[in-house]
């Protein structure tokens, strides 16, 4: 469970950085954390 949480920071940070970079360059976009839309069982 904890290892999944630790690993999640990789995608979270890269996508946030990409989305923010695009926004500062005038490209309209939104950063979406997939945890909001993809639900699973507890098989960590």
ModelCIF file with pLDDT and N, C-alpha, C, O atoms, coordinates in Angstrom:
data_MODEL
#
_entry.id   MODEL 
#
_entity.id                         1 
_entity.type                       polymer 
_entity.pdbx_number_of_molecules   1 
#
_entity_poly.entity_id                      1 
_entity_poly.type                           'polypeptide(L)' 
_entity_poly.nstd_linkage                   no 
_entity_poly.nstd_monomer                   no 
_entity_poly.pdbx_seq_one_letter_code       
;(UNK)(UNK)(UNK)(UNK)(UNK)(UNK)(UNK)(UNK)(UNK)(UNK)(UNK)(UNK)(UNK)(UNK)(UNK)(UNK)
(UNK)(UNK)(UNK)(UNK)(UNK)(UNK)(UNK)(UNK)(UNK)(UNK)(UNK)(UNK)(UNK)(UNK)(UNK)(UNK)
(UNK)(UNK)(UNK)(UNK)(UNK)(UNK)(UNK)(UNK)(UNK)(UNK)(UNK)(UNK)
;
_entity_poly.pdbx_seq_one_letter_code_can   XXXXXXXXXXXXXXXXXXXXXXXXXXXXXXXXXXXXXXXXXXXX 
_entity_poly.pdbx_strand_id                 A 
#
loop_
_entity_poly_seq.entity_id 
_entity_poly_seq.num 
_entity_poly_seq.mon_id 
_entity_poly_seq.hetero 
1 1  UNK n 
1 2  UNK n 
1 3  UNK n 
1 4  UNK n 
1 5  UNK n 
1 6  UNK n 
1 7  UNK n 
1 8  UNK n 
1 9  UNK n 
1 10 UNK n 
1 11 UNK n 
1 12 UNK n 
1 13 UNK n 
1 14 UNK n 
1 15 UNK n 
1 16 UNK n 
1 17 UNK n 
1 18 UNK n 
1 19 UNK n 
1 20 UNK n 
1 21 UNK n 
1 22 UNK n 
1 23 UNK n 
1 24 UNK n 
1 25 UNK n 
1 26 UNK n 
1 27 UNK n 
1 28 UNK n 
1 29 UNK n 
1 30 UNK n 
1 31 UNK n 
1 32 UNK n 
1 33 UNK n 
1 34 UNK n 
1 35 UNK n 
1 36 UNK n 
1 37 UNK n 
1 38 UNK n 
1 39 UNK n 
1 40 UNK n 
1 41 UNK n 
1 42 UNK n 
1 43 UNK n 
1 44 UNK n 
#
_struct_asym.id          A 
_struct_asym.entity_id   1 
#
loop_
_ma_qa_metric.id 
_ma_qa_metric.mode 
_ma_qa_metric.name 
_ma_qa_metric.software_group_id 
_ma_qa_metric.type 
1 global pLDDT . pLDDT 
2 local  pLDDT . pLDDT 
#
_ma_qa_metric_global.metric_id      1 
_ma_qa_metric_global.metric_value   97.32 
_ma_qa_metric_global.model_id       1 
_ma_qa_metric_global.ordinal_id     1 
#
loop_
_ma_qa_metric_local.label_asym_id 
_ma_qa_metric_local.label_comp_id 
_ma_qa_metric_local.label_seq_id 
_ma_qa_metric_local.metric_id 
_ma_qa_metric_local.metric_value 
_ma_qa_metric_local.model_id 
_ma_qa_metric_local.ordinal_id 
A UNK 1  2 97.00 1 1  
A UNK 2  2 98.00 1 2  
A UNK 3  2 98.00 1 3  
A UNK 4  2 98.00 1 4  
A UNK 5  2 98.00 1 5  
A UNK 6  2 98.00 1 6  
A UNK 7  2 98.00 1 7  
A UNK 8  2 98.00 1 8  
A UNK 9  2 98.00 1 9  
A UNK 10 2 98.00 1 10 
A UNK 11 2 98.00 1 11 
A UNK 12 2 98.00 1 12 
A UNK 13 2 98.00 1 13 
A UNK 14 2 98.00 1 14 
A UNK 15 2 98.00 1 15 
A UNK 16 2 98.00 1 16 
A UNK 17 2 98.00 1 17 
A UNK 18 2 98.00 1 18 
A UNK 19 2 98.00 1 19 
A UNK 20 2 97.00 1 20 
A UNK 21 2 97.00 1 21 
A UNK 22 2 97.00 1 22 
A UNK 23 2 96.00 1 23 
A UNK 24 2 95.00 1 24 
A UNK 25 2 95.00 1 25 
A UNK 26 2 95.00 1 26 
A UNK 27 2 96.00 1 27 
A UNK 28 2 96.00 1 28 
A UNK 29 2 97.00 1 29 
A UNK 30 2 98.00 1 30 
A UNK 31 2 98.00 1 31 
A UNK 32 2 98.00 1 32 
A UNK 33 2 98.00 1 33 
A UNK 34 2 98.00 1 34 
A UNK 35 2 98.00 1 35 
A UNK 36 2 98.00 1 36 
A UNK 37 2 98.00 1 37 
A UNK 38 2 98.00 1 38 
A UNK 39 2 98.00 1 39 
A UNK 40 2 97.00 1 40 
A UNK 41 2 97.00 1 41 
A UNK 42 2 96.00 1 42 
A UNK 43 2 94.00 1 43 
A UNK 44 2 96.00 1 44 
#
loop_
_atom_site.group_PDB 
_atom_site.id 
_atom_site.type_symbol 
_atom_site.label_atom_id 
_atom_site.label_alt_id 
_atom_site.label_comp_id 
_atom_site.label_asym_id 
_atom_site.label_entity_id 
_atom_site.label_seq_id 
_atom_site.pdbx_PDB_ins_code 
_atom_site.Cartn_x 
_atom_site.Cartn_y 
_atom_site.Cartn_z 
_atom_site.occupancy 
_atom_site.B_iso_or_equiv 
_atom_site.pdbx_formal_charge 
_atom_site.auth_seq_id 
_atom_site.auth_comp_id 
_atom_site.auth_asym_id 
_atom_site.auth_atom_id 
_atom_site.pdbx_PDB_model_num 
ATOM 1   N N  . UNK A 1 1  ? 0.834   -1.207 0.000   1.00 97.00 ? 1  UNK A N  1 
ATOM 2   C CA . UNK A 1 1  ? 0.000   0.000  0.000   1.00 97.00 ? 1  UNK A CA 1 
ATOM 3   C C  . UNK A 1 1  ? 0.875   1.266  0.000   1.00 97.00 ? 1  UNK A C  1 
ATOM 4   O O  . UNK A 1 1  ? 0.633   2.201  -0.763  1.00 97.00 ? 1  UNK A O  1 
ATOM 5   N N  . UNK A 1 2  ? 1.899   1.273  0.875   1.00 98.00 ? 2  UNK A N  1 
ATOM 6   C CA . UNK A 1 2  ? 2.776   2.444  0.967   1.00 98.00 ? 2  UNK A CA 1 
ATOM 7   C C  . UNK A 1 2  ? 3.626   2.589  -0.293  1.00 98.00 ? 2  UNK A C  1 
ATOM 8   O O  . UNK A 1 2  ? 3.860   3.703  -0.760  1.00 98.00 ? 2  UNK A O  1 
ATOM 9   N N  . UNK A 1 3  ? 4.089   1.468  -0.841  1.00 98.00 ? 3  UNK A N  1 
ATOM 10  C CA . UNK A 1 3  ? 4.908   1.530  -2.055  1.00 98.00 ? 3  UNK A CA 1 
ATOM 11  C C  . UNK A 1 3  ? 4.104   2.109  -3.214  1.00 98.00 ? 3  UNK A C  1 
ATOM 12  O O  . UNK A 1 3  ? 4.640   2.886  -4.004  1.00 98.00 ? 3  UNK A O  1 
ATOM 13  N N  . UNK A 1 4  ? 2.831   1.745  -3.329  1.00 98.00 ? 4  UNK A N  1 
ATOM 14  C CA . UNK A 1 4  ? 1.987   2.340  -4.375  1.00 98.00 ? 4  UNK A CA 1 
ATOM 15  C C  . UNK A 1 4  ? 1.909   3.854  -4.209  1.00 98.00 ? 4  UNK A C  1 
ATOM 16  O O  . UNK A 1 4  ? 1.988   4.604  -5.182  1.00 98.00 ? 4  UNK A O  1 
ATOM 17  N N  . UNK A 1 5  ? 1.753   4.290  -2.961  1.00 98.00 ? 5  UNK A N  1 
ATOM 18  C CA . UNK A 1 5  ? 1.693   5.732  -2.692  1.00 98.00 ? 5  UNK A CA 1 
ATOM 19  C C  . UNK A 1 5  ? 2.994   6.416  -3.101  1.00 98.00 ? 5  UNK A C  1 
ATOM 20  O O  . UNK A 1 5  ? 2.975   7.479  -3.722  1.00 98.00 ? 5  UNK A O  1 
ATOM 21  N N  . UNK A 1 6  ? 4.120   5.804  -2.750  1.00 98.00 ? 6  UNK A N  1 
ATOM 22  C CA . UNK A 1 6  ? 5.423   6.373  -3.112  1.00 98.00 ? 6  UNK A CA 1 
ATOM 23  C C  . UNK A 1 6  ? 5.576   6.449  -4.629  1.00 98.00 ? 6  UNK A C  1 
ATOM 24  O O  . UNK A 1 6  ? 5.994   7.477  -5.163  1.00 98.00 ? 6  UNK A O  1 
ATOM 25  N N  . UNK A 1 7  ? 5.236   5.355  -5.324  1.00 98.00 ? 7  UNK A N  1 
ATOM 26  C CA . UNK A 1 7  ? 5.394   5.333  -6.784  1.00 98.00 ? 7  UNK A CA 1 
ATOM 27  C C  . UNK A 1 7  ? 4.508   6.352  -7.484  1.00 98.00 ? 7  UNK A C  1 
ATOM 28  O O  . UNK A 1 7  ? 4.853   6.826  -8.567  1.00 98.00 ? 7  UNK A O  1 
ATOM 29  N N  . UNK A 1 8  ? 3.384   6.695  -6.891  1.00 98.00 ? 8  UNK A N  1 
ATOM 30  C CA . UNK A 1 8  ? 2.441   7.614  -7.535  1.00 98.00 ? 8  UNK A CA 1 
ATOM 31  C C  . UNK A 1 8  ? 3.032   9.000  -7.758  1.00 98.00 ? 8  UNK A C  1 
ATOM 32  O O  . UNK A 1 8  ? 2.569   9.735  -8.630  1.00 98.00 ? 8  UNK A O  1 
ATOM 33  N N  . UNK A 1 9  ? 4.052   9.367  -6.980  1.00 98.00 ? 9  UNK A N  1 
ATOM 34  C CA . UNK A 1 9  ? 4.623   10.706 -7.098  1.00 98.00 ? 9  UNK A CA 1 
ATOM 35  C C  . UNK A 1 9  ? 5.299   10.931 -8.450  1.00 98.00 ? 9  UNK A C  1 
ATOM 36  O O  . UNK A 1 9  ? 5.394   12.073 -8.899  1.00 98.00 ? 9  UNK A O  1 
ATOM 37  N N  . UNK A 1 10 ? 5.764   9.880  -9.100  1.00 98.00 ? 10 UNK A N  1 
ATOM 38  C CA . UNK A 1 10 ? 6.428   10.021 -10.400 1.00 98.00 ? 10 UNK A CA 1 
ATOM 39  C C  . UNK A 1 10 ? 5.510   10.600 -11.455 1.00 98.00 ? 10 UNK A C  1 
ATOM 40  O O  . UNK A 1 10 ? 5.829   11.617 -12.071 1.00 98.00 ? 10 UNK A O  1 
ATOM 41  N N  . UNK A 1 11 ? 4.366   9.955  -11.671 1.00 98.00 ? 11 UNK A N  1 
ATOM 42  C CA . UNK A 1 11 ? 3.404   10.438 -12.656 1.00 98.00 ? 11 UNK A CA 1 
ATOM 43  C C  . UNK A 1 11 ? 2.788   11.772 -12.234 1.00 98.00 ? 11 UNK A C  1 
ATOM 44  O O  . UNK A 1 11 ? 2.577   12.664 -13.056 1.00 98.00 ? 11 UNK A O  1 
ATOM 45  N N  . UNK A 1 12 ? 2.508   11.888 -10.946 1.00 98.00 ? 12 UNK A N  1 
ATOM 46  C CA . UNK A 1 12 ? 1.867   13.113 -10.438 1.00 98.00 ? 12 UNK A CA 1 
ATOM 47  C C  . UNK A 1 12 ? 2.733   14.340 -10.728 1.00 98.00 ? 12 UNK A C  1 
ATOM 48  O O  . UNK A 1 12 ? 2.235   15.364 -11.195 1.00 98.00 ? 12 UNK A O  1 
ATOM 49  N N  . UNK A 1 13 ? 4.028   14.224 -10.448 1.00 98.00 ? 13 UNK A N  1 
ATOM 50  C CA . UNK A 1 13 ? 4.926   15.362 -10.655 1.00 98.00 ? 13 UNK A CA 1 
ATOM 51  C C  . UNK A 1 13 ? 5.163   15.645 -12.138 1.00 98.00 ? 13 UNK A C  1 
ATOM 52  O O  . UNK A 1 13 ? 5.128   16.801 -12.561 1.00 98.00 ? 13 UNK A O  1 
ATOM 53  N N  . UNK A 1 14 ? 5.404   14.601 -12.929 1.00 98.00 ? 14 UNK A N  1 
ATOM 54  C CA . UNK A 1 14 ? 5.694   14.840 -14.349 1.00 98.00 ? 14 UNK A CA 1 
ATOM 55  C C  . UNK A 1 14 ? 4.499   15.488 -15.054 1.00 98.00 ? 14 UNK A C  1 
ATOM 56  O O  . UNK A 1 14 ? 4.673   16.423 -15.837 1.00 98.00 ? 14 UNK A O  1 
ATOM 57  N N  . UNK A 1 15 ? 3.286   14.993 -14.778 1.00 98.00 ? 15 UNK A N  1 
ATOM 58  C CA . UNK A 1 15 ? 2.097   15.542 -15.447 1.00 98.00 ? 15 UNK A CA 1 
ATOM 59  C C  . UNK A 1 15 ? 1.797   16.961 -14.980 1.00 98.00 ? 15 UNK A C  1 
ATOM 60  O O  . UNK A 1 15 ? 1.385   17.808 -15.772 1.00 98.00 ? 15 UNK A O  1 
ATOM 61  N N  . UNK A 1 16 ? 2.005   17.217 -13.689 1.00 98.00 ? 16 UNK A N  1 
ATOM 62  C CA . UNK A 1 16 ? 1.794   18.584 -13.187 1.00 98.00 ? 16 UNK A CA 1 
ATOM 63  C C  . UNK A 1 16 ? 2.760   19.550 -13.869 1.00 98.00 ? 16 UNK A C  1 
ATOM 64  O O  . UNK A 1 16 ? 2.359   20.628 -14.309 1.00 98.00 ? 16 UNK A O  1 
ATOM 65  N N  . UNK A 1 17 ? 4.030   19.162 -13.957 1.00 98.00 ? 17 UNK A N  1 
ATOM 66  C CA . UNK A 1 17 ? 5.046   20.030 -14.575 1.00 98.00 ? 17 UNK A CA 1 
ATOM 67  C C  . UNK A 1 17 ? 4.709   20.286 -16.043 1.00 98.00 ? 17 UNK A C  1 
ATOM 68  O O  . UNK A 1 17 ? 4.830   21.414 -16.520 1.00 98.00 ? 17 UNK A O  1 
ATOM 69  N N  . UNK A 1 18 ? 4.288   19.242 -16.761 1.00 98.00 ? 18 UNK A N  1 
ATOM 70  C CA . UNK A 1 18 ? 3.941   19.401 -18.182 1.00 98.00 ? 18 UNK A CA 1 
ATOM 71  C C  . UNK A 1 18 ? 2.736   20.319 -18.338 1.00 98.00 ? 18 UNK A C  1 
ATOM 72  O O  . UNK A 1 18 ? 2.743   21.217 -19.181 1.00 98.00 ? 18 UNK A O  1 
ATOM 73  N N  . UNK A 1 19 ? 1.699   20.098 -17.529 1.00 98.00 ? 19 UNK A N  1 
ATOM 74  C CA . UNK A 1 19 ? 0.491   20.913 -17.619 1.00 98.00 ? 19 UNK A CA 1 
ATOM 75  C C  . UNK A 1 19 ? 0.784   22.380 -17.297 1.00 98.00 ? 19 UNK A C  1 
ATOM 76  O O  . UNK A 1 19 ? 0.296   23.276 -17.985 1.00 98.00 ? 19 UNK A O  1 
ATOM 77  N N  . UNK A 1 20 ? 1.578   22.624 -16.253 1.00 97.00 ? 20 UNK A N  1 
ATOM 78  C CA . UNK A 1 20 ? 1.919   23.997 -15.871 1.00 97.00 ? 20 UNK A CA 1 
ATOM 79  C C  . UNK A 1 20 ? 2.758   24.670 -16.949 1.00 97.00 ? 20 UNK A C  1 
ATOM 80  O O  . UNK A 1 20 ? 2.564   25.848 -17.248 1.00 97.00 ? 20 UNK A O  1 
ATOM 81  N N  . UNK A 1 21 ? 3.685   23.924 -17.529 1.00 97.00 ? 21 UNK A N  1 
ATOM 82  C CA . UNK A 1 21 ? 4.515   24.479 -18.602 1.00 97.00 ? 21 UNK A CA 1 
ATOM 83  C C  . UNK A 1 21 ? 3.653   24.908 -19.780 1.00 97.00 ? 21 UNK A C  1 
ATOM 84  O O  . UNK A 1 21 ? 3.831   25.996 -20.328 1.00 97.00 ? 21 UNK A O  1 
ATOM 85  N N  . UNK A 1 22 ? 2.718   24.045 -20.167 1.00 97.00 ? 22 UNK A N  1 
ATOM 86  C CA . UNK A 1 22 ? 1.834   24.371 -21.292 1.00 97.00 ? 22 UNK A CA 1 
ATOM 87  C C  . UNK A 1 22 ? 0.966   25.589 -20.981 1.00 97.00 ? 22 UNK A C  1 
ATOM 88  O O  . UNK A 1 22 ? 0.763   26.451 -21.836 1.00 97.00 ? 22 UNK A O  1 
ATOM 89  N N  . UNK A 1 23 ? 0.458   25.652 -19.755 1.00 96.00 ? 23 UNK A N  1 
ATOM 90  C CA . UNK A 1 23 ? -0.396  26.782 -19.368 1.00 96.00 ? 23 UNK A CA 1 
ATOM 91  C C  . UNK A 1 23 ? 0.362   28.104 -19.435 1.00 96.00 ? 23 UNK A C  1 
ATOM 92  O O  . UNK A 1 23 ? -0.177  29.110 -19.897 1.00 96.00 ? 23 UNK A O  1 
ATOM 93  N N  . UNK A 1 24 ? 1.634   28.103 -18.966 1.00 95.00 ? 24 UNK A N  1 
ATOM 94  C CA . UNK A 1 24 ? 2.428   29.332 -18.997 1.00 95.00 ? 24 UNK A CA 1 
ATOM 95  C C  . UNK A 1 24 ? 2.774   29.751 -20.427 1.00 95.00 ? 24 UNK A C  1 
ATOM 96  O O  . UNK A 1 24 ? 3.157   30.895 -20.672 1.00 95.00 ? 24 UNK A O  1 
ATOM 97  N N  . UNK A 1 25 ? 2.633   28.817 -21.364 1.00 95.00 ? 25 UNK A N  1 
ATOM 98  C CA . UNK A 1 25 ? 2.906   29.133 -22.780 1.00 95.00 ? 25 UNK A CA 1 
ATOM 99  C C  . UNK A 1 25 ? 1.618   29.420 -23.550 1.00 95.00 ? 25 UNK A C  1 
ATOM 100 O O  . UNK A 1 25 ? 1.621   29.502 -24.778 1.00 95.00 ? 25 UNK A O  1 
ATOM 101 N N  . UNK A 1 26 ? 0.537   29.570 -22.823 1.00 95.00 ? 26 UNK A N  1 
ATOM 102 C CA . UNK A 1 26 ? -0.716  29.954 -23.463 1.00 95.00 ? 26 UNK A CA 1 
ATOM 103 C C  . UNK A 1 26 ? -1.519  28.813 -24.047 1.00 95.00 ? 26 UNK A C  1 
ATOM 104 O O  . UNK A 1 26 ? -2.458  29.054 -24.805 1.00 95.00 ? 26 UNK A O  1 
ATOM 105 N N  . UNK A 1 27 ? -1.177  27.567 -23.717 1.00 96.00 ? 27 UNK A N  1 
ATOM 106 C CA . UNK A 1 27 ? -1.933  26.403 -24.196 1.00 96.00 ? 27 UNK A CA 1 
ATOM 107 C C  . UNK A 1 27 ? -2.943  26.017 -23.124 1.00 96.00 ? 27 UNK A C  1 
ATOM 108 O O  . UNK A 1 27 ? -2.559  25.624 -22.023 1.00 96.00 ? 27 UNK A O  1 
ATOM 109 N N  . UNK A 1 28 ? -4.205  26.122 -23.431 1.00 96.00 ? 28 UNK A N  1 
ATOM 110 C CA . UNK A 1 28 ? -5.248  25.848 -22.454 1.00 96.00 ? 28 UNK A CA 1 
ATOM 111 C C  . UNK A 1 28 ? -5.338  24.348 -22.155 1.00 96.00 ? 28 UNK A C  1 
ATOM 112 O O  . UNK A 1 28 ? -5.599  23.539 -23.045 1.00 96.00 ? 28 UNK A O  1 
ATOM 113 N N  . UNK A 1 29 ? -5.121  24.003 -20.908 1.00 97.00 ? 29 UNK A N  1 
ATOM 114 C CA . UNK A 1 29 ? -5.161  22.589 -20.520 1.00 97.00 ? 29 UNK A CA 1 
ATOM 115 C C  . UNK A 1 29 ? -5.427  22.474 -19.036 1.00 97.00 ? 29 UNK A C  1 
ATOM 116 O O  . UNK A 1 29 ? -5.358  23.462 -18.304 1.00 97.00 ? 29 UNK A O  1 
ATOM 117 N N  . UNK A 1 30 ? -5.735  21.255 -18.590 1.00 98.00 ? 30 UNK A N  1 
ATOM 118 C CA . UNK A 1 30 ? -5.967  20.982 -17.177 1.00 98.00 ? 30 UNK A CA 1 
ATOM 119 C C  . UNK A 1 30 ? -5.171  19.756 -16.756 1.00 98.00 ? 30 UNK A C  1 
ATOM 120 O O  . UNK A 1 30 ? -5.073  18.781 -17.502 1.00 98.00 ? 30 UNK A O  1 
ATOM 121 N N  . UNK A 1 31 ? -4.609  19.811 -15.570 1.00 98.00 ? 31 UNK A N  1 
ATOM 122 C CA . UNK A 1 31 ? -3.921  18.668 -14.971 1.00 98.00 ? 31 UNK A CA 1 
ATOM 123 C C  . UNK A 1 31 ? -4.965  17.781 -14.306 1.00 98.00 ? 31 UNK A C  1 
ATOM 124 O O  . UNK A 1 31 ? -5.738  18.249 -13.470 1.00 98.00 ? 31 UNK A O  1 
ATOM 125 N N  . UNK A 1 32 ? -4.992  16.496 -14.676 1.00 98.00 ? 32 UNK A N  1 
ATOM 126 C CA . UNK A 1 32 ? -5.977  15.565 -14.119 1.00 98.00 ? 32 UNK A CA 1 
ATOM 127 C C  . UNK A 1 32 ? -5.280  14.395 -13.441 1.00 98.00 ? 32 UNK A C  1 
ATOM 128 O O  . UNK A 1 32 ? -4.577  13.618 -14.088 1.00 98.00 ? 32 UNK A O  1 
ATOM 129 N N  . UNK A 1 33 ? -5.479  14.277 -12.148 1.00 98.00 ? 33 UNK A N  1 
ATOM 130 C CA . UNK A 1 33 ? -4.990  13.139 -11.375 1.00 98.00 ? 33 UNK A CA 1 
ATOM 131 C C  . UNK A 1 33 ? -5.940  11.969 -11.630 1.00 98.00 ? 33 UNK A C  1 
ATOM 132 O O  . UNK A 1 33 ? -7.111  12.027 -11.255 1.00 98.00 ? 33 UNK A O  1 
ATOM 133 N N  . UNK A 1 34 ? -5.440  10.908 -12.266 1.00 98.00 ? 34 UNK A N  1 
ATOM 134 C CA . UNK A 1 34 ? -6.290  9.776  -12.666 1.00 98.00 ? 34 UNK A CA 1 
ATOM 135 C C  . UNK A 1 34 ? -6.956  9.081  -11.490 1.00 98.00 ? 34 UNK A C  1 
ATOM 136 O O  . UNK A 1 34 ? -7.906  8.320  -11.680 1.00 98.00 ? 34 UNK A O  1 
ATOM 137 N N  . UNK A 1 35 ? -6.473  9.330  -10.278 1.00 98.00 ? 35 UNK A N  1 
ATOM 138 C CA . UNK A 1 35 ? -7.111  8.744  -9.100  1.00 98.00 ? 35 UNK A CA 1 
ATOM 139 C C  . UNK A 1 35 ? -8.554  9.231  -8.931  1.00 98.00 ? 35 UNK A C  1 
ATOM 140 O O  . UNK A 1 35 ? -9.350  8.610  -8.226  1.00 98.00 ? 35 UNK A O  1 
ATOM 141 N N  . UNK A 1 36 ? -8.877  10.345 -9.584  1.00 98.00 ? 36 UNK A N  1 
ATOM 142 C CA . UNK A 1 36 ? -10.244 10.871 -9.508  1.00 98.00 ? 36 UNK A CA 1 
ATOM 143 C C  . UNK A 1 36 ? -11.205 10.104 -10.414 1.00 98.00 ? 36 UNK A C  1 
ATOM 144 O O  . UNK A 1 36 ? -12.411 10.097 -10.169 1.00 98.00 ? 36 UNK A O  1 
ATOM 145 N N  . UNK A 1 37 ? -10.680 9.458  -11.459 1.00 98.00 ? 37 UNK A N  1 
ATOM 146 C CA . UNK A 1 37 ? -11.573 8.869  -12.467 1.00 98.00 ? 37 UNK A CA 1 
ATOM 147 C C  . UNK A 1 37 ? -11.395 7.368  -12.675 1.00 98.00 ? 37 UNK A C  1 
ATOM 148 O O  . UNK A 1 37 ? -12.260 6.731  -13.276 1.00 98.00 ? 37 UNK A O  1 
ATOM 149 N N  . UNK A 1 38 ? -10.285 6.782  -12.188 1.00 98.00 ? 38 UNK A N  1 
ATOM 150 C CA . UNK A 1 38 ? -10.077 5.337  -12.343 1.00 98.00 ? 38 UNK A CA 1 
ATOM 151 C C  . UNK A 1 38 ? -10.081 4.690  -10.971 1.00 98.00 ? 38 UNK A C  1 
ATOM 152 O O  . UNK A 1 38 ? -9.216  4.970  -10.140 1.00 98.00 ? 38 UNK A O  1 
ATOM 153 N N  . UNK A 1 39 ? -11.056 3.825  -10.738 1.00 98.00 ? 39 UNK A N  1 
ATOM 154 C CA . UNK A 1 39 ? -11.228 3.164  -9.451  1.00 98.00 ? 39 UNK A CA 1 
ATOM 155 C C  . UNK A 1 39 ? -10.910 1.674  -9.569  1.00 98.00 ? 39 UNK A C  1 
ATOM 156 O O  . UNK A 1 39 ? -11.206 1.035  -10.578 1.00 98.00 ? 39 UNK A O  1 
ATOM 157 N N  . UNK A 1 40 ? -10.300 1.138  -8.511  1.00 97.00 ? 40 UNK A N  1 
ATOM 158 C CA . UNK A 1 40 ? -9.830  -0.251 -8.535  1.00 97.00 ? 40 UNK A CA 1 
ATOM 159 C C  . UNK A 1 40 ? -10.187 -0.969 -7.234  1.00 97.00 ? 40 UNK A C  1 
ATOM 160 O O  . UNK A 1 40 ? -10.774 -0.394 -6.318  1.00 97.00 ? 40 UNK A O  1 
ATOM 161 N N  . UNK A 1 41 ? -9.808  -2.256 -7.190  1.00 97.00 ? 41 UNK A N  1 
ATOM 162 C CA . UNK A 1 41 ? -9.883  -2.997 -5.934  1.00 97.00 ? 41 UNK A CA 1 
ATOM 163 C C  . UNK A 1 41 ? -8.671  -2.635 -5.073  1.00 97.00 ? 41 UNK A C  1 
ATOM 164 O O  . UNK A 1 41 ? -7.945  -1.692 -5.388  1.00 97.00 ? 41 UNK A O  1 
ATOM 165 N N  . UNK A 1 42 ? -8.453  -3.371 -4.003  1.00 96.00 ? 42 UNK A N  1 
ATOM 166 C CA . UNK A 1 42 ? -7.356  -3.069 -3.080  1.00 96.00 ? 42 UNK A CA 1 
ATOM 167 C C  . UNK A 1 42 ? -6.167  -4.005 -3.263  1.00 96.00 ? 42 UNK A C  1 
ATOM 168 O O  . UNK A 1 42 ? -5.449  -4.286 -2.304  1.00 96.00 ? 42 UNK A O  1 
ATOM 169 N N  . UNK A 1 43 ? -5.957  -4.484 -4.469  1.00 94.00 ? 43 UNK A N  1 
ATOM 170 C CA . UNK A 1 43 ? -4.802  -5.333 -4.767  1.00 94.00 ? 43 UNK A CA 1 
ATOM 171 C C  . UNK A 1 43 ? -3.624  -4.414 -5.098  1.00 94.00 ? 43 UNK A C  1 
ATOM 172 O O  . UNK A 1 43 ? -3.309  -4.179 -6.264  1.00 94.00 ? 43 UNK A O  1 
ATOM 173 N N  . UNK A 1 44 ? -2.991  -3.908 -4.061  1.00 96.00 ? 44 UNK A N  1 
ATOM 174 C CA . UNK A 1 44 ? -1.928  -2.925 -4.234  1.00 96.00 ? 44 UNK A CA 1 
ATOM 175 C C  . UNK A 1 44 ? -0.753  -3.522 -5.013  1.00 96.00 ? 44 UNK A C  1 
ATOM 176 O O  . UNK A 1 44 ? 0.239   -2.836 -5.256  1.00 96.00 ? 44 UNK A O  1 
#
